[in-house]
Amino acid sequence: MAQFVQEDCEEILRLLGYTVPYDRLIRDNLQNTEFTETVIDRALEIFKLLKDVDQQLVDLLPDSMAVVVGELKLSYPQHKRLLKDQASEWLAELANLVGMPIRNDKYRSSVGTVSYW
């Protein structure tokens, strides 16, 4: 059994939508929890995958105005949605691995509404 280092704990909390400064109790609890090496390795792999998706989303912006390149037809909205859906699945997997809920999924565009009545 092993534990996440502090930097990894902070990255997990950031990815799951927890705000800075992180609640010390939550961070310490995550840092002191024992996980298998498989869980830690998979979490670190998810970090890389999400970083790659973030970069692909940035790289996708210049192509957002293109409709056709050569014989290839581009669909910016579909490509963006595919990337965000995959990233959201990996985020859910990360939350499940560490046993913490997602506070804010930045890959899902959800506009919350508040009803006072």
C-alpha atoms as a PDB file:
ATOM      1  CA  MET A   1       0.000   0.000   0.000  1.00  0.00           C
ATOM      2  CA  ALA A   2       1.130   3.532  -0.732  1.00  0.00           C
ATOM      3  CA  GLN A   3       0.017   7.129  -0.368  1.00  0.00           C
ATOM      4  CA  PHE A   4      -0.234  10.084  -2.705  1.00  0.00           C
ATOM      5  CA  VAL A   5       2.357  12.809  -2.198  1.00  0.00           C
ATOM      6  CA  GLN A   6       1.068  16.286  -1.325  1.00  0.00           C
ATOM      7  CA  GLU A   7       1.423  17.602  -4.912  1.00  0.00           C
ATOM      8  CA  ASP A   8      -0.655  14.704  -6.240  1.00  0.00           C
ATOM      9  CA  CYS A   9      -3.301  15.283  -3.575  1.00  0.00           C
ATOM     10  CA  GLU A  10      -3.540  18.939  -4.546  1.00  0.00           C
ATOM     11  CA  GLU A  11      -3.790  17.995  -8.230  1.00  0.00           C
ATOM     12  CA  ILE A  12      -6.611  15.549  -7.458  1.00  0.00           C
ATOM     13  CA  LEU A  13      -8.488  18.194  -5.497  1.00  0.00           C
ATOM     14  CA  ARG A  14      -7.974  20.754  -8.266  1.00  0.00           C
ATOM     15  CA  LEU A  15      -9.179  18.363 -10.943  1.00  0.00           C
ATOM     16  CA  LEU A  16     -12.234  17.398  -8.907  1.00  0.00           C
ATOM     17  CA  GLY A  17     -13.181  21.064  -8.589  1.00  0.00           C
ATOM     18  CA  TYR A  18     -12.216  21.830  -5.003  1.00  0.00           C
ATOM     19  CA  THR A  19     -11.161  25.427  -4.477  1.00  0.00           C
ATOM     20  CA  VAL A  20      -7.851  26.785  -3.235  1.00  0.00           C
ATOM     21  CA  PRO A  21      -6.955  26.971  -0.418  1.00  0.00           C
ATOM     22  CA  TYR A  22      -7.926  23.350  -0.007  1.00  0.00           C
ATOM     23  CA  ASP A  23      -9.547  22.339   3.223  1.00  0.00           C
ATOM     24  CA  ARG A  24      -6.622  20.977   5.227  1.00  0.00           C
ATOM     25  CA  LEU A  25      -8.755  18.157   6.615  1.00  0.00           C
ATOM     26  CA  ILE A  26      -9.764  16.975   3.133  1.00  0.00           C
ATOM     27  CA  ARG A  27      -6.201  17.205   1.782  1.00  0.00           C
ATOM     28  CA  ASP A  28      -4.684  15.503   4.818  1.00  0.00           C
ATOM     29  CA  ASN A  29      -7.300  12.764   4.735  1.00  0.00           C
ATOM     30  CA  LEU A  30      -6.565  12.097   1.066  1.00  0.00           C
ATOM     31  CA  GLN A  31      -2.813  12.221   1.661  1.00  0.00           C
ATOM     32  CA  ASN A  32      -2.986   9.813   4.614  1.00  0.00           C
ATOM     33  CA  THR A  33      -5.231   7.260   2.912  1.00  0.00           C
ATOM     34  CA  GLU A  34      -3.519   4.074   1.785  1.00  0.00           C
ATOM     35  CA  PHE A  35      -4.039   3.130  -1.869  1.00  0.00           C
ATOM     36  CA  THR A  36      -2.688   0.272  -3.935  1.00  0.00           C
ATOM     37  CA  GLU A  37       0.104   1.013  -6.384  1.00  0.00           C
ATOM     38  CA  THR A  38      -2.346   0.235  -9.187  1.00  0.00           C
ATOM     39  CA  VAL A  39      -4.704   2.989  -8.033  1.00  0.00           C
ATOM     40  CA  ILE A  40      -1.888   5.515  -7.715  1.00  0.00           C
ATOM     41  CA  ASP A  41      -0.467   4.590 -11.120  1.00  0.00           C
ATOM     42  CA  ARG A  42      -3.894   4.896 -12.759  1.00  0.00           C
ATOM     43  CA  ALA A  43      -4.523   8.274 -11.090  1.00  0.00           C
ATOM     44  CA  LEU A  44      -1.168   9.568 -12.376  1.00  0.00           C
ATOM     45  CA  GLU A  45      -2.044   8.265 -15.845  1.00  0.00           C
ATOM     46  CA  ILE A  46      -5.393  10.100 -15.681  1.00  0.00           C
ATOM     47  CA  PHE A  47      -3.493  13.312 -14.778  1.00  0.00           C
ATOM     48  CA  LYS A  48      -1.530  12.959 -18.028  1.00  0.00           C
ATOM     49  CA  LEU A  49      -4.621  12.124 -20.084  1.00  0.00           C
ATOM     50  CA  LEU A  50      -6.504  15.159 -18.779  1.00  0.00           C
ATOM     51  CA  LYS A  51      -3.500  17.403 -19.412  1.00  0.00           C
ATOM     52  CA  ASP A  52      -3.398  16.082 -22.990  1.00  0.00           C
ATOM     53  CA  VAL A  53      -7.118  16.801 -23.463  1.00  0.00           C
ATOM     54  CA  ASP A  54      -6.671  20.327 -22.126  1.00  0.00           C
ATOM     55  CA  GLN A  55      -3.858  20.890 -24.628  1.00  0.00           C
ATOM     56  CA  GLN A  56      -5.916  19.415 -27.472  1.00  0.00           C
ATOM     57  CA  LEU A  57      -8.767  21.779 -26.616  1.00  0.00           C
ATOM     58  CA  VAL A  58      -6.353  24.720 -26.781  1.00  0.00           C
ATOM     59  CA  ASP A  59      -4.895  23.450 -30.067  1.00  0.00           C
ATOM     60  CA  LEU A  60      -8.397  23.006 -31.460  1.00  0.00           C
ATOM     61  CA  LEU A  61      -9.225  26.716 -31.221  1.00  0.00           C
ATOM     62  CA  PRO A  62      -7.350  27.866 -34.361  1.00  0.00           C
ATOM     63  CA  ASP A  63      -9.199  25.189 -36.346  1.00  0.00           C
ATOM     64  CA  SER A  64     -12.585  26.238 -35.022  1.00  0.00           C
ATOM     65  CA  MET A  65     -13.256  28.433 -38.056  1.00  0.00           C
ATOM     66  CA  ALA A  66     -12.239  25.832 -40.643  1.00  0.00           C
ATOM     67  CA  VAL A  67     -15.030  23.801 -42.195  1.00  0.00           C
ATOM     68  CA  VAL A  68     -13.138  21.938 -44.900  1.00  0.00           C
ATOM     69  CA  VAL A  69      -9.433  21.210 -45.211  1.00  0.00           C
ATOM     70  CA  GLY A  70      -8.663  19.456 -48.467  1.00  0.00           C
ATOM     71  CA  GLU A  71     -11.151  16.615 -48.708  1.00  0.00           C
ATOM     72  CA  LEU A  72     -11.575  16.427 -44.952  1.00  0.00           C
ATOM     73  CA  LYS A  73     -14.695  17.928 -43.435  1.00  0.00           C
ATOM     74  CA  LEU A  74     -14.140  19.258 -39.924  1.00  0.00           C
ATOM     75  CA  SER A  75     -16.696  19.533 -37.173  1.00  0.00           C
ATOM     76  CA  TYR A  76     -15.296  21.655 -34.378  1.00  0.00           C
ATOM     77  CA  PRO A  77     -18.322  21.217 -32.067  1.00  0.00           C
ATOM     78  CA  GLN A  78     -18.314  17.431 -32.426  1.00  0.00           C
ATOM     79  CA  HIS A  79     -14.570  17.164 -31.873  1.00  0.00           C
ATOM     80  CA  LYS A  80     -14.744  19.435 -28.827  1.00  0.00           C
ATOM     81  CA  ARG A  81     -17.690  17.497 -27.385  1.00  0.00           C
ATOM     82  CA  LEU A  82     -15.870  14.181 -27.914  1.00  0.00           C
ATOM     83  CA  LEU A  83     -12.780  15.461 -26.090  1.00  0.00           C
ATOM     84  CA  LYS A  84     -14.824  16.870 -23.208  1.00  0.00           C
ATOM     85  CA  ASP A  85     -16.948  13.707 -22.877  1.00  0.00           C
ATOM     86  CA  GLN A  86     -13.838  11.538 -22.677  1.00  0.00           C
ATOM     87  CA  ALA A  87     -12.195  13.862 -20.154  1.00  0.00           C
ATOM     88  CA  SER A  88     -15.337  13.866 -18.028  1.00  0.00           C
ATOM     89  CA  GLU A  89     -15.322  10.058 -17.988  1.00  0.00           C
ATOM     90  CA  TRP A  90     -11.692  10.044 -16.832  1.00  0.00           C
ATOM     91  CA  LEU A  91     -12.529  12.595 -14.152  1.00  0.00           C
ATOM     92  CA  ALA A  92     -15.355  10.366 -12.897  1.00  0.00           C
ATOM     93  CA  GLU A  93     -12.947   7.434 -12.859  1.00  0.00           C
ATOM     94  CA  LEU A  94     -10.459   9.478 -10.808  1.00  0.00           C
ATOM     95  CA  ALA A  95     -13.187  10.455  -8.333  1.00  0.00           C
ATOM     96  CA  ASN A  96     -14.181   6.812  -8.007  1.00  0.00           C
ATOM     97  CA  LEU A  97     -10.571   5.698  -7.484  1.00  0.00           C
ATOM     98  CA  VAL A  98      -9.986   8.104  -4.601  1.00  0.00           C
ATOM     99  CA  GLY A  99     -13.515   7.886  -3.188  1.00  0.00           C
ATOM    100  CA  MET A 100     -14.300  11.593  -3.432  1.00  0.00           C
ATOM    101  CA  PRO A 101     -17.168  13.365  -5.171  1.00  0.00           C
ATOM    102  CA  ILE A 102     -16.621  15.726  -8.072  1.00  0.00           C
ATOM    103  CA  ARG A 103     -17.350  19.279  -6.912  1.00  0.00           C
ATOM    104  CA  ASN A 104     -17.095  20.830 -10.364  1.00  0.00           C
ATOM    105  CA  ASP A 105     -16.564  19.051 -13.672  1.00  0.00           C
ATOM    106  CA  LYS A 106     -14.948  21.674 -15.919  1.00  0.00           C
ATOM    107  CA  TYR A 107     -15.547  19.449 -18.936  1.00  0.00           C
ATOM    108  CA  ARG A 108     -19.327  19.533 -18.560  1.00  0.00           C
ATOM    109  CA  SER A 109     -20.980  22.791 -19.438  1.00  0.00           C
ATOM    110  CA  SER A 110     -23.645  23.033 -16.837  1.00  0.00           C
ATOM    111  CA  VAL A 111     -25.260  26.288 -15.973  1.00  0.00           C
ATOM    112  CA  GLY A 112     -26.822  26.023 -12.572  1.00  0.00           C
ATOM    113  CA  THR A 113     -30.107  27.679 -11.829  1.00  0.00           C
ATOM    114  CA  VAL A 114     -31.414  28.697  -8.482  1.00  0.00           C
ATOM    115  CA  SER A 115     -35.064  28.723  -7.598  1.00  0.00           C
ATOM    116  CA  TYR A 116     -36.198  30.680  -4.583  1.00  0.00           C
ATOM    117  CA  TRP A 117     -39.843  29.636  -4.805  1.00  0.00           C
END
